[in-house]
PDB file of all heavy atoms in Angstrom:
ATOM      1  N   ASN A   1      94.687 103.188 100.490  1.00  0.00           N
ATOM      2  CA  ASN A   1      93.756 103.198  99.260  1.00  0.00           C
ATOM      3  C   ASN A   1      93.120 101.853  99.188  1.00  0.00           C
ATOM      4  O   ASN A   1      91.912 101.723  98.825  1.00  0.00           O
ATOM      5  CB  ASN A   1      94.587 103.470  98.037  1.00  0.00           C
ATOM      6  CG  ASN A   1      94.343 104.913  97.520  1.00  0.00           C
ATOM      7  OD1 ASN A   1      93.483 105.614  98.046  1.00  0.00           O
ATOM      8  ND2 ASN A   1      95.062 105.342  96.556  1.00  0.00           N
ATOM      9  N   ASP A   2      93.890 100.699  99.391  1.00  0.00           N
ATOM     10  CA  ASP A   2      93.385  99.402  99.090  1.00  0.00           C
ATOM     11  C   ASP A   2      92.414  99.017 100.198  1.00  0.00           C
ATOM     12  O   ASP A   2      91.421  98.281  99.874  1.00  0.00           O
ATOM     13  CB  ASP A   2      94.548  98.365  99.104  1.00  0.00           C
ATOM     14  CG  ASP A   2      95.482  98.571  97.876  1.00  0.00           C
ATOM     15  OD1 ASP A   2      94.967  99.263  96.948  1.00  0.00           O
ATOM     16  OD2 ASP A   2      96.575  98.025  97.914  1.00  0.00           O
ATOM     17  N   THR A   3      92.636  99.364 101.417  1.00  0.00           N
ATOM     18  CA  THR A   3      91.748  98.925 102.503  1.00  0.00           C
ATOM     19  C   THR A   3      90.591  99.832 102.707  1.00  0.00           C
ATOM     20  O   THR A   3      89.498  99.396 103.068  1.00  0.00           O
ATOM     21  CB  THR A   3      92.505  98.723 103.809  1.00  0.00           C
ATOM     22  OG1 THR A   3      93.186 100.001 104.108  1.00  0.00           O
ATOM     23  CG2 THR A   3      93.651  97.725 103.645  1.00  0.00           C
ATOM     24  N   LEU A   4      90.715 101.194 102.578  1.00  0.00           N
ATOM     25  CA  LEU A   4      89.689 102.076 102.896  1.00  0.00           C
ATOM     26  C   LEU A   4      89.042 102.754 101.717  1.00  0.00           C
ATOM     27  O   LEU A   4      88.012 103.431 101.800  1.00  0.00           O
ATOM     28  CB  LEU A   4      90.284 103.224 103.839  1.00  0.00           C
ATOM     29  CG  LEU A   4      90.824 102.662 105.166  1.00  0.00           C
ATOM     30  CD1 LEU A   4      91.351 103.910 106.010  1.00  0.00           C
ATOM     31  CD2 LEU A   4      89.793 101.957 105.916  1.00  0.00           C
ATOM     32  N   GLY A   5      89.671 102.647 100.474  1.00  0.00           N
ATOM     33  CA  GLY A   5      89.096 103.181  99.227  1.00  0.00           C
ATOM     34  C   GLY A   5      89.765 104.492  98.899  1.00  0.00           C
ATOM     35  O   GLY A   5      90.428 105.123  99.579  1.00  0.00           O
ATOM     36  N   HIS A   6      89.459 104.893  97.587  1.00  0.00           N
ATOM     37  CA  HIS A   6      90.085 106.005  97.008  1.00  0.00           C
ATOM     38  C   HIS A   6      89.607 107.336  97.705  1.00  0.00           C
ATOM     39  O   HIS A   6      90.367 108.317  97.768  1.00  0.00           O
ATOM     40  CB  HIS A   6      89.834 106.148  95.530  1.00  0.00           C
ATOM     41  CG  HIS A   6      90.597 105.067  94.748  1.00  0.00           C
ATOM     42  ND1 HIS A   6      91.950 105.124  94.498  1.00  0.00           N
ATOM     43  CD2 HIS A   6      90.178 103.952  94.102  1.00  0.00           C
ATOM     44  CE1 HIS A   6      92.367 104.116  93.833  1.00  0.00           C
ATOM     45  NE2 HIS A   6      91.269 103.376  93.507  1.00  0.00           N
ATOM     46  N   ALA A   7      88.319 107.348  98.134  1.00  0.00           N
ATOM     47  CA  ALA A   7      87.851 108.582  98.802  1.00  0.00           C
ATOM     48  C   ALA A   7      88.642 108.824 100.047  1.00  0.00           C
ATOM     49  O   ALA A   7      89.005 109.974 100.273  1.00  0.00           O
ATOM     50  CB  ALA A   7      86.384 108.430  99.106  1.00  0.00           C
ATOM     51  N   ALA A   8      88.921 107.799 100.840  1.00  0.00           N
ATOM     52  CA  ALA A   8      89.734 107.979 102.057  1.00  0.00           C
ATOM     53  C   ALA A   8      91.132 108.339 101.704  1.00  0.00           C
ATOM     54  O   ALA A   8      91.817 109.172 102.334  1.00  0.00           O
ATOM     55  CB  ALA A   8      89.744 106.676 102.900  1.00  0.00           C
ATOM     56  N   GLY A   9      91.666 107.780 100.583  1.00  0.00           N
ATOM     57  CA  GLY A   9      93.002 108.207 100.146  1.00  0.00           C
ATOM     58  C   GLY A   9      93.062 109.642  99.713  1.00  0.00           C
ATOM     59  O   GLY A   9      94.050 110.347 100.104  1.00  0.00           O
ATOM     60  N   ASP A  10      92.016 110.158  99.032  1.00  0.00           N
ATOM     61  CA  ASP A  10      91.988 111.523  98.742  1.00  0.00           C
ATOM     62  C   ASP A  10      91.965 112.390  99.960  1.00  0.00           C
ATOM     63  O   ASP A  10      92.569 113.473 100.045  1.00  0.00           O
ATOM     64  CB  ASP A  10      90.753 111.820  97.786  1.00  0.00           C
ATOM     65  CG  ASP A  10      90.992 111.293  96.395  1.00  0.00           C
ATOM     66  OD1 ASP A  10      92.101 110.941  96.057  1.00  0.00           O
ATOM     67  OD2 ASP A  10      90.022 111.240  95.670  1.00  0.00           O
ATOM     68  N   GLU A  11      91.171 112.014 100.902  1.00  0.00           N
ATOM     69  CA  GLU A  11      91.022 112.767 102.178  1.00  0.00           C
ATOM     70  C   GLU A  11      92.333 112.870 102.881  1.00  0.00           C
ATOM     71  O   GLU A  11      92.721 113.893 103.444  1.00  0.00           O
ATOM     72  CB  GLU A  11      89.974 112.168 103.030  1.00  0.00           C
ATOM     73  CG  GLU A  11      89.716 112.955 104.347  1.00  0.00           C
ATOM     74  CD  GLU A  11      88.621 112.265 105.234  1.00  0.00           C
ATOM     75  OE1 GLU A  11      87.963 111.291 104.813  1.00  0.00           O
ATOM     76  OE2 GLU A  11      88.500 112.685 106.353  1.00  0.00           O
ATOM     77  N   LEU A  12      93.022 111.710 102.857  1.00  0.00           N
ATOM     78  CA  LEU A  12      94.398 111.639 103.479  1.00  0.00           C
ATOM     79  C   LEU A  12      95.376 112.586 102.786  1.00  0.00           C
ATOM     80  O   LEU A  12      96.150 113.297 103.450  1.00  0.00           O
ATOM     81  CB  LEU A  12      94.903 110.212 103.503  1.00  0.00           C
ATOM     82  CG  LEU A  12      96.335 110.015 104.094  1.00  0.00           C
ATOM     83  CD1 LEU A  12      96.315 110.496 105.548  1.00  0.00           C
ATOM     84  CD2 LEU A  12      96.703 108.590 104.004  1.00  0.00           C
ATOM     85  N   LEU A  13      95.333 112.611 101.451  1.00  0.00           N
ATOM     86  CA  LEU A  13      96.268 113.470 100.701  1.00  0.00           C
ATOM     87  C   LEU A  13      96.012 114.979 101.063  1.00  0.00           C
ATOM     88  O   LEU A  13      96.940 115.694 101.160  1.00  0.00           O
ATOM     89  CB  LEU A  13      96.035 113.170  99.226  1.00  0.00           C
ATOM     90  CG  LEU A  13      96.622 111.892  98.652  1.00  0.00           C
ATOM     91  CD1 LEU A  13      96.196 111.766  97.161  1.00  0.00           C
ATOM     92  CD2 LEU A  13      98.114 111.835  98.816  1.00  0.00           C
ATOM     93  N   VAL A  14      94.731 115.381 101.202  1.00  0.00           N
ATOM     94  CA  VAL A  14      94.414 116.701 101.589  1.00  0.00           C
ATOM     95  C   VAL A  14      94.969 117.030 102.945  1.00  0.00           C
ATOM     96  O   VAL A  14      95.487 118.127 103.213  1.00  0.00           O
ATOM     97  CB  VAL A  14      92.912 116.973 101.493  1.00  0.00           C
ATOM     98  CG1 VAL A  14      92.533 118.342 102.012  1.00  0.00           C
ATOM     99  CG2 VAL A  14      92.391 116.830 100.014  1.00  0.00           C
ATOM    100  N   ALA A  15      94.798 116.082 103.847  1.00  0.00           N
ATOM    101  CA  ALA A  15      95.313 116.282 105.212  1.00  0.00           C
ATOM    102  C   ALA A  15      96.811 116.415 105.248  1.00  0.00           C
ATOM    103  O   ALA A  15      97.431 117.187 105.945  1.00  0.00           O
ATOM    104  CB  ALA A  15      94.773 115.115 106.126  1.00  0.00           C
ATOM    105  N   VAL A  16      97.491 115.589 104.446  1.00  0.00           N
ATOM    106  CA  VAL A  16      98.973 115.643 104.324  1.00  0.00           C
ATOM    107  C   VAL A  16      99.455 116.965 103.812  1.00  0.00           C
ATOM    108  O   VAL A  16     100.369 117.566 104.289  1.00  0.00           O
ATOM    109  CB  VAL A  16      99.478 114.434 103.448  1.00  0.00           C
ATOM    110  CG1 VAL A  16     100.951 114.718 103.058  1.00  0.00           C
ATOM    111  CG2 VAL A  16      99.320 113.059 104.109  1.00  0.00           C
ATOM    112  N   ALA A  17      98.783 117.417 102.757  1.00  0.00           N
ATOM    113  CA  ALA A  17      99.040 118.715 102.176  1.00  0.00           C
ATOM    114  C   ALA A  17      99.006 119.843 103.228  1.00  0.00           C
ATOM    115  O   ALA A  17      99.890 120.741 103.301  1.00  0.00           O
ATOM    116  CB  ALA A  17      98.103 119.058 100.981  1.00  0.00           C
ATOM    117  N   GLY A  18      97.923 119.759 104.040  1.00  0.00           N
ATOM    118  CA  GLY A  18      97.722 120.823 105.114  1.00  0.00           C
ATOM    119  C   GLY A  18      98.869 120.752 106.125  1.00  0.00           C
ATOM    120  O   GLY A  18      99.354 121.789 106.558  1.00  0.00           O
ATOM    121  N   ARG A  19      99.348 119.532 106.409  1.00  0.00           N
ATOM    122  CA  ARG A  19     100.342 119.412 107.426  1.00  0.00           C
ATOM    123  C   ARG A  19     101.695 119.865 106.814  1.00  0.00           C
ATOM    124  O   ARG A  19     102.528 120.430 107.547  1.00  0.00           O
ATOM    125  CB  ARG A  19     100.417 117.946 107.881  1.00  0.00           C
ATOM    126  CG  ARG A  19     101.120 117.761 109.266  1.00  0.00           C
ATOM    127  CD  ARG A  19     100.843 116.406 109.842  1.00  0.00           C
ATOM    128  NE  ARG A  19      99.552 116.167 110.351  1.00  0.00           N
ATOM    129  CZ  ARG A  19      99.201 115.066 110.965  1.00  0.00           C
ATOM    130  NH1 ARG A  19     100.059 114.096 111.165  1.00  0.00           N
ATOM    131  NH2 ARG A  19      97.947 114.944 111.467  1.00  0.00           N
ATOM    132  N   LEU A  20     101.928 119.550 105.539  1.00  0.00           N
ATOM    133  CA  LEU A  20     103.128 119.997 104.927  1.00  0.00           C
ATOM    134  C   LEU A  20     103.204 121.623 104.860  1.00  0.00           C
ATOM    135  O   LEU A  20     104.297 122.105 105.145  1.00  0.00           O
ATOM    136  CB  LEU A  20     103.233 119.483 103.507  1.00  0.00           C
ATOM    137  CG  LEU A  20     103.472 117.970 103.322  1.00  0.00           C
ATOM    138  CD1 LEU A  20     103.438 117.545 101.861  1.00  0.00           C
ATOM    139  CD2 LEU A  20     104.819 117.568 103.978  1.00  0.00           C
ATOM    140  N   LEU A  21     102.112 122.202 104.600  1.00  0.00           N
ATOM    141  CA  LEU A  21     102.052 123.646 104.531  1.00  0.00           C
ATOM    142  C   LEU A  21     102.289 124.221 105.957  1.00  0.00           C
ATOM    143  O   LEU A  21     102.892 125.315 106.042  1.00  0.00           O
ATOM    144  CB  LEU A  21     100.674 124.143 104.003  1.00  0.00           C
ATOM    145  CG  LEU A  21     100.472 123.943 102.557  1.00  0.00           C
ATOM    146  CD1 LEU A  21      99.031 124.238 102.177  1.00  0.00           C
ATOM    147  CD2 LEU A  21     101.421 124.721 101.643  1.00  0.00           C
ATOM    148  N   GLN A  22     101.824 123.565 106.893  1.00  0.00           N
ATOM    149  CA  GLN A  22     101.983 124.041 108.290  1.00  0.00           C
ATOM    150  C   GLN A  22     103.489 123.958 108.747  1.00  0.00           C
ATOM    151  O   GLN A  22     104.066 124.929 109.304  1.00  0.00           O
ATOM    152  CB  GLN A  22     101.152 123.208 109.181  1.00  0.00           C
ATOM    153  CG  GLN A  22     101.221 123.697 110.654  1.00  0.00           C
ATOM    154  CD  GLN A  22     100.368 122.818 111.585  1.00  0.00           C
ATOM    155  OE1 GLN A  22      99.869 121.739 111.180  1.00  0.00           O
ATOM    156  NE2 GLN A  22      99.987 123.273 112.780  1.00  0.00           N
ATOM    157  N   VAL A  23     104.166 122.867 108.379  1.00  0.00           N
ATOM    158  CA  VAL A  23     105.541 122.699 108.730  1.00  0.00           C
ATOM    159  C   VAL A  23     106.447 123.507 107.884  1.00  0.00           C
ATOM    160  O   VAL A  23     107.459 124.125 108.393  1.00  0.00           O
ATOM    161  CB  VAL A  23     105.937 121.261 108.626  1.00  0.00           C
ATOM    162  CG1 VAL A  23     107.465 121.001 108.861  1.00  0.00           C
ATOM    163  CG2 VAL A  23     105.177 120.294 109.621  1.00  0.00           C
ATOM    164  N   CYS A  24     106.096 123.688 106.634  1.00  0.00           N
ATOM    165  CA  CYS A  24     107.029 124.451 105.706  1.00  0.00           C
ATOM    166  C   CYS A  24     106.358 125.799 105.389  1.00  0.00           C
ATOM    167  O   CYS A  24     106.300 126.214 104.154  1.00  0.00           O
ATOM    168  CB  CYS A  24     107.184 123.663 104.390  1.00  0.00           C
ATOM    169  SG  CYS A  24     107.933 122.066 104.641  1.00  0.00           S
ATOM    170  N   ALA A  25     105.876 126.552 106.383  1.00  0.00           N
ATOM    171  CA  ALA A  25     105.193 127.795 106.134  1.00  0.00           C
ATOM    172  C   ALA A  25     106.180 128.801 105.475  1.00  0.00           C
ATOM    173  O   ALA A  25     107.376 128.867 105.855  1.00  0.00           O
ATOM    174  CB  ALA A  25     104.733 128.342 107.507  1.00  0.00           C
ATOM    175  N   GLY A  26     105.749 129.392 104.414  1.00  0.00           N
ATOM    176  CA  GLY A  26     106.547 130.321 103.696  1.00  0.00           C
ATOM    177  C   GLY A  26     107.393 129.646 102.654  1.00  0.00           C
ATOM    178  O   GLY A  26     108.038 130.370 101.814  1.00  0.00           O
ATOM    179  N   ARG A  27     107.352 128.391 102.571  1.00  0.00           N
ATOM    180  CA  ARG A  27     108.072 127.595 101.520  1.00  0.00           C
ATOM    181  C   ARG A  27     107.148 127.195 100.421  1.00  0.00           C
ATOM    182  O   ARG A  27     105.985 127.024 100.588  1.00  0.00           O
ATOM    183  CB  ARG A  27     108.837 126.386 102.087  1.00  0.00           C
ATOM    184  CG  ARG A  27     109.558 126.626 103.361  1.00  0.00           C
ATOM    185  CD  ARG A  27     110.832 127.269 103.161  1.00  0.00           C
ATOM    186  NE  ARG A  27     111.650 127.224 104.425  1.00  0.00           N
ATOM    187  CZ  ARG A  27     112.888 127.711 104.522  1.00  0.00           C
ATOM    188  NH1 ARG A  27     113.470 128.273 103.450  1.00  0.00           N
ATOM    189  NH2 ARG A  27     113.602 127.707 105.610  1.00  0.00           N
ATOM    190  N   LEU A  28     107.733 126.905  99.232  1.00  0.00           N
ATOM    191  CA  LEU A  28     106.883 126.374  98.117  1.00  0.00           C
ATOM    192  C   LEU A  28     106.649 124.879  98.304  1.00  0.00           C
ATOM    193  O   LEU A  28     107.705 124.101  98.368  1.00  0.00           O
ATOM    194  CB  LEU A  28     107.476 126.731  96.767  1.00  0.00           C
ATOM    195  CG  LEU A  28     106.554 126.271  95.599  1.00  0.00           C
ATOM    196  CD1 LEU A  28     106.395 127.371  94.658  1.00  0.00           C
ATOM    197  CD2 LEU A  28     107.108 125.021  94.864  1.00  0.00           C
TER     198      LEU A  28
END
């Protein structure tokens, strides 16, 4: 966030969410 900005931070959070859903398929 500090080095690349909040927009990059938001993009990273979306990518993390996608990876979590992939690993934890079927879980909440």
